Each structure stands twice: as structure tokens, then as C-alpha cells.
Amino acid sequence: MAVTVSLVLLFGLVLFFLLRSKTLGYGSAFIAVMFGFFLASTGASGPINELATAVVHAIPNL
């Protein structure tokens, strides 16, 4: 679990700097996929799924 969390932080940080510098290419796509892959295996996946579900259900009420 500690390795997964550290990889999420690492990929998240790299993705943040890639998006900030507007360097979008194959490398940043790979970083984004790896960030999502490792984020899904942490405890944050449950709240993220609940948030996404709540947003999807709230859109028709706008």
C-alpha cells in the first residue's frame, strides 16, 4: 500500500507539472494513465467513484 500511495503521489506530481507547462504528448498520456491506474488501487477510489456518481446524478437537475 505504501508503494502504491507513493507512486500515486509521484505520477500526480509529474502530471501536474506536465499539464502546467502545457507539454501534452505521448509521455503525458502515459503518466495520466499510470496515475489513474495506481489511484484506482488506493483507498481514494471509493470516494472518487461516489463523487463522480453524485455529479452525474446532479447534472439533469441543473
PDB file of N, CA and C in Angstrom:
ATOM      1  N   MET A   1       0.824  -1.200   0.000  1.00  0.00           N
ATOM      2  CA  MET A   1       0.000   0.000   0.000  1.00  0.00           C
ATOM      3  C   MET A   1       0.860   1.252   0.000  1.00  0.00           C
ATOM      4  N   ALA A   2       1.953   1.244   0.752  1.00  0.00           N
ATOM      5  CA  ALA A   2       2.824   2.423   0.821  1.00  0.00           C
ATOM      6  C   ALA A   2       3.471   2.705  -0.528  1.00  0.00           C
ATOM      7  N   VAL A   3       3.815   1.652  -1.254  1.00  0.00           N
ATOM      8  CA  VAL A   3       4.419   1.837  -2.573  1.00  0.00           C
ATOM      9  C   VAL A   3       3.389   2.423  -3.534  1.00  0.00           C
ATOM     10  N   THR A   4       2.153   1.951  -3.460  1.00  0.00           N
ATOM     11  CA  THR A   4       1.103   2.446  -4.339  1.00  0.00           C
ATOM     12  C   THR A   4       0.824   3.919  -4.083  1.00  0.00           C
ATOM     13  N   VAL A   5       0.747   4.307  -2.821  1.00  0.00           N
ATOM     14  CA  VAL A   5       0.487   5.704  -2.475  1.00  0.00           C
ATOM     15  C   VAL A   5       1.631   6.586  -2.954  1.00  0.00           C
ATOM     16  N   SER A   6       2.860   6.128  -2.784  1.00  0.00           N
ATOM     17  CA  SER A   6       3.988   6.938  -3.235  1.00  0.00           C
ATOM     18  C   SER A   6       4.016   7.049  -4.759  1.00  0.00           C
ATOM     19  N   LEU A   7       3.621   5.988  -5.464  1.00  0.00           N
ATOM     20  CA  LEU A   7       3.554   6.063  -6.924  1.00  0.00           C
ATOM     21  C   LEU A   7       2.440   7.004  -7.369  1.00  0.00           C
ATOM     22  N   VAL A   8       1.323   7.007  -6.648  1.00  0.00           N
ATOM     23  CA  VAL A   8       0.246   7.947  -6.963  1.00  0.00           C
ATOM     24  C   VAL A   8       0.744   9.370  -6.792  1.00  0.00           C
ATOM     25  N   LEU A   9       1.452   9.634  -5.718  1.00  0.00           N
ATOM     26  CA  LEU A   9       1.987  10.976  -5.493  1.00  0.00           C
ATOM     27  C   LEU A   9       3.003  11.354  -6.565  1.00  0.00           C
ATOM     28  N   LEU A  10       3.863  10.425  -6.919  1.00  0.00           N
ATOM     29  CA  LEU A  10       4.877  10.691  -7.936  1.00  0.00           C
ATOM     30  C   LEU A  10       4.230  10.989  -9.286  1.00  0.00           C
ATOM     31  N   PHE A  11       3.332  10.109  -9.731  1.00  0.00           N
ATOM     32  CA  PHE A  11       2.685  10.316 -11.022  1.00  0.00           C
ATOM     33  C   PHE A  11       1.796  11.551 -11.002  1.00  0.00           C
ATOM     34  N   GLY A  12       1.145  11.816  -9.889  1.00  0.00           N
ATOM     35  CA  GLY A  12       0.323  13.019  -9.778  1.00  0.00           C
ATOM     36  C   GLY A  12       1.147  14.279  -9.887  1.00  0.00           C
ATOM     37  N   LEU A  13       2.297  14.294  -9.256  1.00  0.00           N
ATOM     38  CA  LEU A  13       3.182  15.453  -9.315  1.00  0.00           C
ATOM     39  C   LEU A  13       3.723  15.664 -10.728  1.00  0.00           C
ATOM     40  N   VAL A  14       4.150  14.588 -11.363  1.00  0.00           N
ATOM     41  CA  VAL A  14       4.654  14.694 -12.737  1.00  0.00           C
ATOM     42  C   VAL A  14       3.540  15.154 -13.670  1.00  0.00           C
ATOM     43  N   LEU A  15       2.333  14.606 -13.503  1.00  0.00           N
ATOM     44  CA  LEU A  15       1.210  15.013 -14.337  1.00  0.00           C
ATOM     45  C   LEU A  15       0.863  16.478 -14.129  1.00  0.00           C
ATOM     46  N   PHE A  16       0.909  16.948 -12.896  1.00  0.00           N
ATOM     47  CA  PHE A  16       0.640  18.349 -12.606  1.00  0.00           C
ATOM     48  C   PHE A  16       1.607  19.259 -13.358  1.00  0.00           C
ATOM     49  N   PHE A  17       2.891  18.942 -13.311  1.00  0.00           N
ATOM     50  CA  PHE A  17       3.876  19.782 -13.989  1.00  0.00           C
ATOM     51  C   PHE A  17       3.775  19.675 -15.508  1.00  0.00           C
ATOM     52  N   LEU A  18       3.424  18.506 -16.027  1.00  0.00           N
ATOM     53  CA  LEU A  18       3.235  18.379 -17.471  1.00  0.00           C
ATOM     54  C   LEU A  18       2.048  19.204 -17.944  1.00  0.00           C
ATOM     55  N   LEU A  19       0.967  19.172 -17.187  1.00  0.00           N
ATOM     56  CA  LEU A  19      -0.205  19.956 -17.575  1.00  0.00           C
ATOM     57  C   LEU A  19       0.040  21.446 -17.397  1.00  0.00           C
ATOM     58  N   ARG A  20       0.788  21.806 -16.385  1.00  0.00           N
ATOM     59  CA  ARG A  20       1.068  23.222 -16.147  1.00  0.00           C
ATOM     60  C   ARG A  20       1.954  23.799 -17.250  1.00  0.00           C
ATOM     61  N   SER A  21       2.906  23.016 -17.721  1.00  0.00           N
ATOM     62  CA  SER A  21       3.803  23.512 -18.769  1.00  0.00           C
ATOM     63  C   SER A  21       3.207  23.318 -20.167  1.00  0.00           C
ATOM     64  N   LYS A  22       1.992  22.766 -20.222  1.00  0.00           N
ATOM     65  CA  LYS A  22       1.286  22.523 -21.489  1.00  0.00           C
ATOM     66  C   LYS A  22       2.096  21.635 -22.431  1.00  0.00           C
ATOM     67  N   THR A  23       2.776  20.682 -21.844  1.00  0.00           N
ATOM     68  CA  THR A  23       3.517  19.693 -22.610  1.00  0.00           C
ATOM     69  C   THR A  23       2.634  18.452 -22.723  1.00  0.00           C
ATOM     70  N   LEU A  24       1.795  18.436 -23.738  1.00  0.00           N
ATOM     71  CA  LEU A  24       0.870  17.332 -23.914  1.00  0.00           C
ATOM     72  C   LEU A  24       1.341  16.474 -25.076  1.00  0.00           C
ATOM     73  N   GLY A  25       1.568  15.235 -24.783  1.00  0.00           N
ATOM     74  CA  GLY A  25       2.043  14.311 -25.805  1.00  0.00           C
ATOM     75  C   GLY A  25       1.886  12.890 -25.310  1.00  0.00           C
ATOM     76  N   TYR A  26       2.626  11.969 -25.913  1.00  0.00           N
ATOM     77  CA  TYR A  26       2.529  10.573 -25.528  1.00  0.00           C
ATOM     78  C   TYR A  26       3.020  10.351 -24.099  1.00  0.00           C
ATOM     79  N   GLY A  27       4.025  11.086 -23.693  1.00  0.00           N
ATOM     80  CA  GLY A  27       4.554  10.934 -22.335  1.00  0.00           C
ATOM     81  C   GLY A  27       3.545  11.334 -21.284  1.00  0.00           C
ATOM     82  N   SER A  28       2.870  12.457 -21.492  1.00  0.00           N
ATOM     83  CA  SER A  28       1.889  12.894 -20.505  1.00  0.00           C
ATOM     84  C   SER A  28       0.666  11.983 -20.503  1.00  0.00           C
ATOM     85  N   ALA A  29       0.317  11.427 -21.646  1.00  0.00           N
ATOM     86  CA  ALA A  29      -0.790  10.470 -21.691  1.00  0.00           C
ATOM     87  C   ALA A  29      -0.434   9.224 -20.893  1.00  0.00           C
ATOM     88  N   PHE A  30       0.790   8.757 -21.018  1.00  0.00           N
ATOM     89  CA  PHE A  30       1.234   7.598 -20.247  1.00  0.00           C
ATOM     90  C   PHE A  30       1.207   7.902 -18.754  1.00  0.00           C
ATOM     91  N   ILE A  31       1.682   9.089 -18.370  1.00  0.00           N
ATOM     92  CA  ILE A  31       1.692   9.481 -16.961  1.00  0.00           C
ATOM     93  C   ILE A  31       0.260   9.541 -16.431  1.00  0.00           C
ATOM     94  N   ALA A  32      -0.662  10.087 -17.215  1.00  0.00           N
ATOM     95  CA  ALA A  32      -2.063  10.182 -16.786  1.00  0.00           C
ATOM     96  C   ALA A  32      -2.674   8.798 -16.593  1.00  0.00           C
ATOM     97  N   VAL A  33      -2.380   7.877 -17.498  1.00  0.00           N
ATOM     98  CA  VAL A  33      -2.903   6.518 -17.378  1.00  0.00           C
ATOM     99  C   VAL A  33      -2.318   5.828 -16.149  1.00  0.00           C
ATOM    100  N   MET A  34      -1.030   5.965 -15.944  1.00  0.00           N
ATOM    101  CA  MET A  34      -0.402   5.334 -14.785  1.00  0.00           C
ATOM    102  C   MET A  34      -0.915   5.939 -13.482  1.00  0.00           C
ATOM    103  N   PHE A  35      -1.130   7.265 -13.465  1.00  0.00           N
ATOM    104  CA  PHE A  35      -1.681   7.920 -12.283  1.00  0.00           C
ATOM    105  C   PHE A  35      -3.066   7.354 -11.977  1.00  0.00           C
ATOM    106  N   GLY A  36      -3.906   7.232 -12.983  1.00  0.00           N
ATOM    107  CA  GLY A  36      -5.240   6.681 -12.775  1.00  0.00           C
ATOM    108  C   GLY A  36      -5.209   5.231 -12.344  1.00  0.00           C
ATOM    109  N   PHE A  37      -4.298   4.459 -12.922  1.00  0.00           N
ATOM    110  CA  PHE A  37      -4.178   3.048 -12.569  1.00  0.00           C
ATOM    111  C   PHE A  37      -3.796   2.877 -11.105  1.00  0.00           C
ATOM    112  N   PHE A  38      -2.797   3.615 -10.656  1.00  0.00           N
ATOM    113  CA  PHE A  38      -2.368   3.469  -9.276  1.00  0.00           C
ATOM    114  C   PHE A  38      -3.341   4.131  -8.305  1.00  0.00           C
ATOM    115  N   LEU A  39      -4.012   5.188  -8.716  1.00  0.00           N
ATOM    116  CA  LEU A  39      -5.007   5.829  -7.863  1.00  0.00           C
ATOM    117  C   LEU A  39      -6.194   4.902  -7.631  1.00  0.00           C
ATOM    118  N   ALA A  40      -6.539   4.112  -8.632  1.00  0.00           N
ATOM    119  CA  ALA A  40      -7.667   3.192  -8.501  1.00  0.00           C
ATOM    120  C   ALA A  40      -7.400   2.098  -7.477  1.00  0.00           C
ATOM    121  N   SER A  41      -6.164   1.794  -7.199  1.00  0.00           N
ATOM    122  CA  SER A  41      -5.848   0.736  -6.243  1.00  0.00           C
ATOM    123  C   SER A  41      -5.637   1.264  -4.826  1.00  0.00           C
ATOM    124  N   THR A  42      -5.893   2.540  -4.598  1.00  0.00           N
ATOM    125  CA  THR A  42      -5.786   3.086  -3.250  1.00  0.00           C
ATOM    126  C   THR A  42      -7.167   3.203  -2.624  1.00  0.00           C
ATOM    127  N   GLY A  43      -7.218   3.661  -1.402  1.00  0.00           N
ATOM    128  CA  GLY A  43      -8.481   3.858  -0.710  1.00  0.00           C
ATOM    129  C   GLY A  43      -9.265   5.037  -1.238  1.00  0.00           C
ATOM    130  N   ALA A  44      -8.656   5.847  -2.082  1.00  0.00           N
ATOM    131  CA  ALA A  44      -9.335   7.015  -2.629  1.00  0.00           C
ATOM    132  C   ALA A  44     -10.304   6.651  -3.743  1.00  0.00           C
ATOM    133  N   SER A  45     -10.263   5.425  -4.227  1.00  0.00           N
ATOM    134  CA  SER A  45     -11.126   5.056  -5.354  1.00  0.00           C
ATOM    135  C   SER A  45     -12.600   5.086  -4.976  1.00  0.00           C
ATOM    136  N   GLY A  46     -12.950   4.699  -3.757  1.00  0.00           N
ATOM    137  CA  GLY A  46     -14.348   4.717  -3.320  1.00  0.00           C
ATOM    138  C   GLY A  46     -14.939   6.116  -3.313  1.00  0.00           C
ATOM    139  N   PRO A  47     -14.308   7.080  -2.614  1.00  0.00           N
ATOM    140  CA  PRO A  47     -14.845   8.445  -2.628  1.00  0.00           C
ATOM    141  C   PRO A  47     -14.853   9.089  -4.012  1.00  0.00           C
ATOM    142  N   ILE A  48     -13.872   8.776  -4.847  1.00  0.00           N
ATOM    143  CA  ILE A  48     -13.845   9.332  -6.202  1.00  0.00           C
ATOM    144  C   ILE A  48     -15.021   8.797  -7.014  1.00  0.00           C
ATOM    145  N   ASN A  49     -15.304   7.503  -6.890  1.00  0.00           N
ATOM    146  CA  ASN A  49     -16.454   6.926  -7.590  1.00  0.00           C
ATOM    147  C   ASN A  49     -17.762   7.519  -7.085  1.00  0.00           C
ATOM    148  N   GLU A  50     -17.883   7.715  -5.776  1.00  0.00           N
ATOM    149  CA  GLU A  50     -19.093   8.317  -5.213  1.00  0.00           C
ATOM    150  C   GLU A  50     -19.268   9.754  -5.695  1.00  0.00           C
ATOM    151  N   LEU A  51     -18.177  10.514  -5.755  1.00  0.00           N
ATOM    152  CA  LEU A  51     -18.241  11.889  -6.235  1.00  0.00           C
ATOM    153  C   LEU A  51     -18.666  11.927  -7.703  1.00  0.00           C
ATOM    154  N   ALA A  52     -18.090  11.059  -8.523  1.00  0.00           N
ATOM    155  CA  ALA A  52     -18.451  11.020  -9.938  1.00  0.00           C
ATOM    156  C   ALA A  52     -19.919  10.644 -10.117  1.00  0.00           C
ATOM    157  N   THR A  53     -20.402   9.702  -9.324  1.00  0.00           N
ATOM    158  CA  THR A  53     -21.809   9.313  -9.393  1.00  0.00           C
ATOM    159  C   THR A  53     -22.712  10.463  -8.988  1.00  0.00           C
ATOM    160  N   ALA A  54     -22.335  11.184  -7.932  1.00  0.00           N
ATOM    161  CA  ALA A  54     -23.140  12.309  -7.484  1.00  0.00           C
ATOM    162  C   ALA A  54     -23.190  13.417  -8.535  1.00  0.00           C
ATOM    163  N   VAL A  55     -22.082  13.665  -9.208  1.00  0.00           N
ATOM    164  CA  VAL A  55     -22.048  14.694 -10.256  1.00  0.00           C
ATOM    165  C   VAL A  55     -22.930  14.284 -11.430  1.00  0.00           C
ATOM    166  N   VAL A  56     -22.858  13.011 -11.817  1.00  0.00           N
ATOM    167  CA  VAL A  56     -23.666  12.530 -12.939  1.00  0.00           C
ATOM    168  C   VAL A  56     -25.154  12.631 -12.603  1.00  0.00           C
ATOM    169  N   HIS A  57     -25.521  12.325 -11.368  1.00  0.00           N
ATOM    170  CA  HIS A  57     -26.930  12.403 -10.969  1.00  0.00           C
ATOM    171  C   HIS A  57     -27.387  13.859 -10.790  1.00  0.00           C
ATOM    172  N   ALA A  58     -26.484  14.775 -10.525  1.00  0.00           N
ATOM    173  CA  ALA A  58     -26.842  16.174 -10.329  1.00  0.00           C
ATOM    174  C   ALA A  58     -27.001  16.933 -11.648  1.00  0.00           C
ATOM    175  N   ILE A  59     -26.373  16.467 -12.706  1.00  0.00           N
ATOM    176  CA  ILE A  59     -26.413  17.175 -13.990  1.00  0.00           C
ATOM    177  C   ILE A  59     -27.837  17.334 -14.520  1.00  0.00           C
ATOM    178  N   PRO A  60     -28.689  16.301 -14.500  1.00  0.00           N
ATOM    179  CA  PRO A  60     -30.048  16.510 -15.021  1.00  0.00           C
ATOM    180  C   PRO A  60     -30.875  17.508 -14.215  1.00  0.00           C
ATOM    181  N   ASN A  61     -30.514  17.746 -12.964  1.00  0.00           N
ATOM    182  CA  ASN A  61     -31.271  18.671 -12.112  1.00  0.00           C
ATOM    183  C   ASN A  61     -30.883  20.130 -12.328  1.00  0.00           C
ATOM    184  N   LEU A  62     -29.900  20.380 -13.188  1.00  0.00           N
ATOM    185  CA  LEU A  62     -29.480  21.767 -13.403  1.00  0.00           C
ATOM    186  C   LEU A  62     -30.449  22.522 -14.231  1.00  0.00           C
TER     187      LEU A  62
END
